[in-house]
Amino acid sequence: MISKKEVLGIVAEKHGIIIGDDDPILSVLAVSDAIYDIYTARLSEQMESLSTKNINLFSRRASSLHSAAVESARQIVDENRREVSKVLESSKSDWQSAFALAN
């Protein structure tokens, strides 16, 4: 809440106008203060909502990226297994041929 005394001091200092504590112009201050309070409460709610949405979006994207990385790693491992199996199978037949020639 805005302090009446502070406002009265600023007005007196800046404009050389003395306003009493019961001056009707202070009703504008009360209205302005109420509007400010409502505005800041709504703004805080909207910022909290936006923050929650951003956190949820980040979490979903991070989870999606993690799943994609896991799937890519599986594909790489599977491809490497296939290639190693081919190499081992090829080596096996080479060894068998060499052994057959030696005997």
N, C-alpha and C. Protein backbone atom coordinates (compact mmCIF):
# COMPACT_ATOMS: atom_id res chain seq x y z
N MET A 1 0.85 -1.19 0.00
CA MET A 1 0.00 0.00 0.00
C MET A 1 0.89 1.24 0.00
N ILE A 2 0.44 2.23 -0.72
CA ILE A 2 1.18 3.48 -0.83
C ILE A 2 0.92 4.33 0.42
N SER A 3 1.97 4.86 0.99
CA SER A 3 1.87 5.66 2.20
C SER A 3 1.35 7.07 1.88
N LYS A 4 0.30 7.49 2.58
CA LYS A 4 -0.24 8.85 2.37
C LYS A 4 0.80 9.90 2.73
N LYS A 5 1.49 9.69 3.83
CA LYS A 5 2.48 10.68 4.27
C LYS A 5 3.58 10.85 3.24
N GLU A 6 3.99 9.74 2.64
CA GLU A 6 5.04 9.80 1.62
C GLU A 6 4.56 10.60 0.41
N VAL A 7 3.32 10.33 -0.02
CA VAL A 7 2.76 11.06 -1.16
C VAL A 7 2.62 12.55 -0.83
N LEU A 8 2.12 12.85 0.36
CA LEU A 8 1.96 14.25 0.76
C LEU A 8 3.31 14.96 0.78
N GLY A 9 4.34 14.28 1.24
CA GLY A 9 5.68 14.86 1.27
C GLY A 9 6.21 15.11 -0.13
N ILE A 10 6.02 14.16 -1.04
CA ILE A 10 6.50 14.31 -2.42
C ILE A 10 5.79 15.47 -3.11
N VAL A 11 4.45 15.55 -2.94
CA VAL A 11 3.68 16.63 -3.57
C VAL A 11 4.13 17.98 -3.02
N ALA A 12 4.32 18.06 -1.73
CA ALA A 12 4.75 19.31 -1.13
C ALA A 12 6.14 19.70 -1.62
N GLU A 13 7.04 18.72 -1.71
CA GLU A 13 8.41 19.00 -2.13
C GLU A 13 8.48 19.39 -3.61
N LYS A 14 7.83 18.61 -4.47
CA LYS A 14 7.93 18.84 -5.92
C LYS A 14 7.12 20.04 -6.39
N HIS A 15 5.92 20.20 -5.80
CA HIS A 15 4.99 21.19 -6.36
C HIS A 15 4.68 22.34 -5.41
N GLY A 16 5.18 22.25 -4.18
CA GLY A 16 4.94 23.33 -3.23
C GLY A 16 3.48 23.41 -2.80
N ILE A 17 2.78 22.29 -2.86
CA ILE A 17 1.36 22.27 -2.48
C ILE A 17 1.22 21.47 -1.19
N ILE A 18 0.52 22.06 -0.24
CA ILE A 18 0.28 21.38 1.03
C ILE A 18 -1.11 20.77 0.96
N ILE A 19 -1.15 19.44 1.13
CA ILE A 19 -2.44 18.73 1.13
C ILE A 19 -2.60 18.13 2.52
N GLY A 20 -3.79 18.27 3.07
CA GLY A 20 -4.07 17.72 4.39
C GLY A 20 -4.39 16.23 4.33
N ASP A 21 -4.31 15.58 5.50
CA ASP A 21 -4.58 14.14 5.58
C ASP A 21 -6.00 13.78 5.14
N ASP A 22 -6.94 14.73 5.25
CA ASP A 22 -8.33 14.43 4.91
C ASP A 22 -8.75 15.05 3.58
N ASP A 23 -7.81 15.46 2.77
CA ASP A 23 -8.10 16.07 1.46
C ASP A 23 -8.76 15.03 0.55
N PRO A 24 -9.84 15.40 -0.13
CA PRO A 24 -10.55 14.46 -1.02
C PRO A 24 -9.67 13.90 -2.15
N ILE A 25 -8.63 14.62 -2.52
CA ILE A 25 -7.76 14.14 -3.59
C ILE A 25 -7.10 12.81 -3.19
N LEU A 26 -6.99 12.57 -1.90
CA LEU A 26 -6.38 11.32 -1.44
C LEU A 26 -7.26 10.10 -1.75
N SER A 27 -8.54 10.33 -2.07
CA SER A 27 -9.38 9.21 -2.50
C SER A 27 -8.86 8.65 -3.83
N VAL A 28 -8.28 9.52 -4.66
CA VAL A 28 -7.67 9.07 -5.91
C VAL A 28 -6.50 8.14 -5.58
N LEU A 29 -5.74 8.50 -4.55
CA LEU A 29 -4.64 7.65 -4.13
C LEU A 29 -5.15 6.29 -3.68
N ALA A 30 -6.24 6.26 -2.96
CA ALA A 30 -6.81 4.99 -2.49
C ALA A 30 -7.27 4.14 -3.66
N VAL A 31 -7.93 4.76 -4.63
CA VAL A 31 -8.38 4.04 -5.82
C VAL A 31 -7.19 3.54 -6.62
N SER A 32 -6.22 4.39 -6.80
CA SER A 32 -5.02 4.01 -7.54
C SER A 32 -4.31 2.86 -6.85
N ASP A 33 -4.23 2.91 -5.55
CA ASP A 33 -3.58 1.85 -4.79
C ASP A 33 -4.34 0.53 -4.95
N ALA A 34 -5.66 0.58 -4.91
CA ALA A 34 -6.47 -0.63 -5.08
C ALA A 34 -6.28 -1.22 -6.48
N ILE A 35 -6.26 -0.36 -7.49
CA ILE A 35 -6.05 -0.82 -8.87
C ILE A 35 -4.67 -1.46 -8.99
N TYR A 36 -3.69 -0.82 -8.40
CA TYR A 36 -2.32 -1.35 -8.42
C TYR A 36 -2.26 -2.74 -7.77
N ASP A 37 -2.91 -2.89 -6.62
CA ASP A 37 -2.92 -4.18 -5.93
C ASP A 37 -3.57 -5.27 -6.78
N ILE A 38 -4.71 -4.94 -7.40
CA ILE A 38 -5.40 -5.91 -8.25
C ILE A 38 -4.52 -6.28 -9.45
N TYR A 39 -3.92 -5.26 -10.07
CA TYR A 39 -3.08 -5.49 -11.24
C TYR A 39 -1.89 -6.38 -10.89
N THR A 40 -1.22 -6.07 -9.79
CA THR A 40 -0.05 -6.87 -9.43
C THR A 40 -0.44 -8.30 -9.05
N ALA A 41 -1.59 -8.48 -8.40
CA ALA A 41 -2.05 -9.84 -8.06
C ALA A 41 -2.32 -10.63 -9.34
N ARG A 42 -3.00 -10.01 -10.30
CA ARG A 42 -3.29 -10.70 -11.58
C ARG A 42 -2.00 -10.99 -12.34
N LEU A 43 -1.11 -10.03 -12.36
CA LEU A 43 0.16 -10.22 -13.05
C LEU A 43 0.95 -11.36 -12.41
N SER A 44 0.95 -11.42 -11.09
CA SER A 44 1.64 -12.52 -10.39
C SER A 44 1.02 -13.87 -10.74
N GLU A 45 -0.31 -13.93 -10.79
CA GLU A 45 -0.99 -15.17 -11.17
C GLU A 45 -0.62 -15.58 -12.60
N GLN A 46 -0.61 -14.62 -13.51
CA GLN A 46 -0.26 -14.93 -14.90
C GLN A 46 1.19 -15.38 -15.02
N MET A 47 2.08 -14.74 -14.29
CA MET A 47 3.49 -15.13 -14.34
C MET A 47 3.67 -16.54 -13.77
N GLU A 48 2.96 -16.85 -12.69
CA GLU A 48 3.04 -18.19 -12.10
C GLU A 48 2.50 -19.23 -13.08
N SER A 49 1.40 -18.92 -13.74
CA SER A 49 0.82 -19.83 -14.72
C SER A 49 1.78 -20.05 -15.89
N LEU A 50 2.36 -18.97 -16.37
CA LEU A 50 3.31 -19.06 -17.48
C LEU A 50 4.53 -19.88 -17.08
N SER A 51 5.01 -19.66 -15.87
CA SER A 51 6.15 -20.41 -15.37
C SER A 51 5.84 -21.90 -15.31
N THR A 52 4.66 -22.24 -14.81
CA THR A 52 4.24 -23.64 -14.73
C THR A 52 4.15 -24.26 -16.12
N LYS A 53 3.57 -23.52 -17.07
CA LYS A 53 3.47 -24.02 -18.44
C LYS A 53 4.85 -24.25 -19.04
N ASN A 54 5.76 -23.32 -18.82
CA ASN A 54 7.12 -23.46 -19.35
C ASN A 54 7.84 -24.66 -18.73
N ILE A 55 7.66 -24.86 -17.45
CA ILE A 55 8.28 -26.01 -16.78
C ILE A 55 7.72 -27.31 -17.35
N ASN A 56 6.41 -27.36 -17.54
CA ASN A 56 5.79 -28.56 -18.10
C ASN A 56 6.26 -28.81 -19.52
N LEU A 57 6.33 -27.76 -20.33
CA LEU A 57 6.79 -27.89 -21.70
C LEU A 57 8.24 -28.37 -21.74
N PHE A 58 9.08 -27.80 -20.91
CA PHE A 58 10.48 -28.22 -20.84
C PHE A 58 10.58 -29.69 -20.45
N SER A 59 9.79 -30.09 -19.46
CA SER A 59 9.83 -31.48 -19.00
C SER A 59 9.42 -32.44 -20.11
N ARG A 60 8.34 -32.08 -20.84
CA ARG A 60 7.89 -32.94 -21.94
C ARG A 60 8.95 -33.02 -23.03
N ARG A 61 9.54 -31.89 -23.38
CA ARG A 61 10.56 -31.89 -24.43
C ARG A 61 11.81 -32.64 -23.99
N ALA A 62 12.21 -32.46 -22.75
CA ALA A 62 13.38 -33.18 -22.24
C ALA A 62 13.12 -34.68 -22.26
N SER A 63 11.92 -35.08 -21.88
CA SER A 63 11.57 -36.50 -21.89
C SER A 63 11.57 -37.03 -23.32
N SER A 64 11.03 -36.24 -24.24
CA SER A 64 10.99 -36.64 -25.65
C SER A 64 12.40 -36.77 -26.20
N LEU A 65 13.27 -35.81 -25.87
CA LEU A 65 14.66 -35.87 -26.34
C LEU A 65 15.38 -37.07 -25.75
N HIS A 66 15.12 -37.36 -24.49
CA HIS A 66 15.73 -38.51 -23.85
C HIS A 66 15.29 -39.79 -24.55
N SER A 67 14.00 -39.91 -24.84
CA SER A 67 13.49 -41.09 -25.53
C SER A 67 14.11 -41.23 -26.90
N ALA A 68 14.24 -40.12 -27.61
CA ALA A 68 14.86 -40.16 -28.95
C ALA A 68 16.33 -40.57 -28.85
N ALA A 69 17.03 -40.07 -27.85
CA ALA A 69 18.44 -40.43 -27.68
C ALA A 69 18.59 -41.92 -27.35
N VAL A 70 17.70 -42.43 -26.50
CA VAL A 70 17.74 -43.85 -26.16
C VAL A 70 17.48 -44.70 -27.39
N GLU A 71 16.50 -44.31 -28.19
CA GLU A 71 16.18 -45.05 -29.42
C GLU A 71 17.35 -45.00 -30.40
N SER A 72 17.97 -43.85 -30.55
CA SER A 72 19.15 -43.74 -31.44
C SER A 72 20.28 -44.63 -30.95
N ALA A 73 20.50 -44.65 -29.65
CA ALA A 73 21.56 -45.50 -29.09
C ALA A 73 21.26 -46.97 -29.36
N ARG A 74 20.00 -47.36 -29.21
CA ARG A 74 19.61 -48.75 -29.50
C ARG A 74 19.87 -49.10 -30.95
N GLN A 75 19.52 -48.19 -31.84
CA GLN A 75 19.73 -48.44 -33.26
C GLN A 75 21.22 -48.58 -33.57
N ILE A 76 22.04 -47.74 -32.97
CA ILE A 76 23.49 -47.81 -33.19
C ILE A 76 24.03 -49.15 -32.67
N VAL A 77 23.61 -49.54 -31.49
CA VAL A 77 24.07 -50.81 -30.91
C VAL A 77 23.63 -51.97 -31.79
N ASP A 78 22.37 -51.96 -32.24
CA ASP A 78 21.88 -53.04 -33.11
C ASP A 78 22.66 -53.11 -34.41
N GLU A 79 22.94 -51.96 -35.02
CA GLU A 79 23.70 -51.93 -36.26
C GLU A 79 25.12 -52.46 -36.04
N ASN A 80 25.73 -52.05 -34.93
CA ASN A 80 27.08 -52.54 -34.61
C ASN A 80 27.08 -54.05 -34.38
N ARG A 81 26.07 -54.56 -33.71
CA ARG A 81 25.97 -56.01 -33.49
C ARG A 81 25.88 -56.76 -34.82
N ARG A 82 25.05 -56.23 -35.73
CA ARG A 82 24.92 -56.87 -37.05
C ARG A 82 26.26 -56.87 -37.78
N GLU A 83 26.94 -55.74 -37.76
CA GLU A 83 28.23 -55.64 -38.45
C GLU A 83 29.28 -56.55 -37.82
N VAL A 84 29.33 -56.60 -36.49
CA VAL A 84 30.28 -57.48 -35.80
C VAL A 84 29.97 -58.94 -36.12
N SER A 85 28.69 -59.27 -36.16
CA SER A 85 28.30 -60.65 -36.51
C SER A 85 28.75 -61.00 -37.92
N LYS A 86 28.61 -60.06 -38.85
CA LYS A 86 29.07 -60.30 -40.22
C LYS A 86 30.57 -60.53 -40.26
N VAL A 87 31.31 -59.68 -39.52
CA VAL A 87 32.77 -59.81 -39.49
C VAL A 87 33.16 -61.15 -38.88
N LEU A 88 32.51 -61.53 -37.78
CA LEU A 88 32.82 -62.80 -37.13
C LEU A 88 32.48 -63.99 -38.03
N GLU A 89 31.35 -63.89 -38.71
CA GLU A 89 30.95 -64.97 -39.63
C GLU A 89 31.95 -65.08 -40.78
N SER A 90 32.37 -63.95 -41.31
CA SER A 90 33.35 -63.93 -42.39
C SER A 90 34.68 -64.51 -41.90
N SER A 91 35.10 -64.12 -40.72
CA SER A 91 36.35 -64.62 -40.15
C SER A 91 36.27 -66.12 -39.91
N LYS A 92 35.10 -66.57 -39.49
CA LYS A 92 34.91 -67.99 -39.20
C LYS A 92 35.12 -68.81 -40.47
N SER A 93 34.53 -68.35 -41.57
CA SER A 93 34.70 -69.10 -42.82
C SER A 93 36.14 -69.02 -43.32
N ASP A 94 36.80 -67.87 -43.10
CA ASP A 94 38.22 -67.76 -43.47
C ASP A 94 39.07 -68.73 -42.65
N TRP A 95 38.81 -68.83 -41.37
CA TRP A 95 39.57 -69.75 -40.52
C TRP A 95 39.30 -71.20 -40.90
N GLN A 96 38.04 -71.47 -41.20
CA GLN A 96 37.70 -72.84 -41.61
C GLN A 96 38.40 -73.21 -42.91
N SER A 97 38.44 -72.25 -43.86
CA SER A 97 39.14 -72.51 -45.13
C SER A 97 40.61 -72.72 -44.90
N ALA A 98 41.21 -71.89 -44.06
CA ALA A 98 42.64 -72.00 -43.78
C ALA A 98 42.92 -73.33 -43.08
N PHE A 99 42.08 -73.72 -42.16
CA PHE A 99 42.27 -74.98 -41.44
C PHE A 99 42.13 -76.17 -42.40
N ALA A 100 41.16 -76.07 -43.32
CA ALA A 100 40.96 -77.14 -44.30
C ALA A 100 42.17 -77.26 -45.23
N LEU A 101 42.77 -76.16 -45.62
CA LEU A 101 43.94 -76.19 -46.49
C LEU A 101 45.16 -76.79 -45.76
N ALA A 102 45.22 -76.50 -44.46
CA ALA A 102 46.35 -76.98 -43.66
C ALA A 102 46.29 -78.48 -43.46
N ASN A 103 45.14 -79.04 -43.51
CA ASN A 103 44.99 -80.48 -43.27
C ASN A 103 45.00 -81.18 -44.55
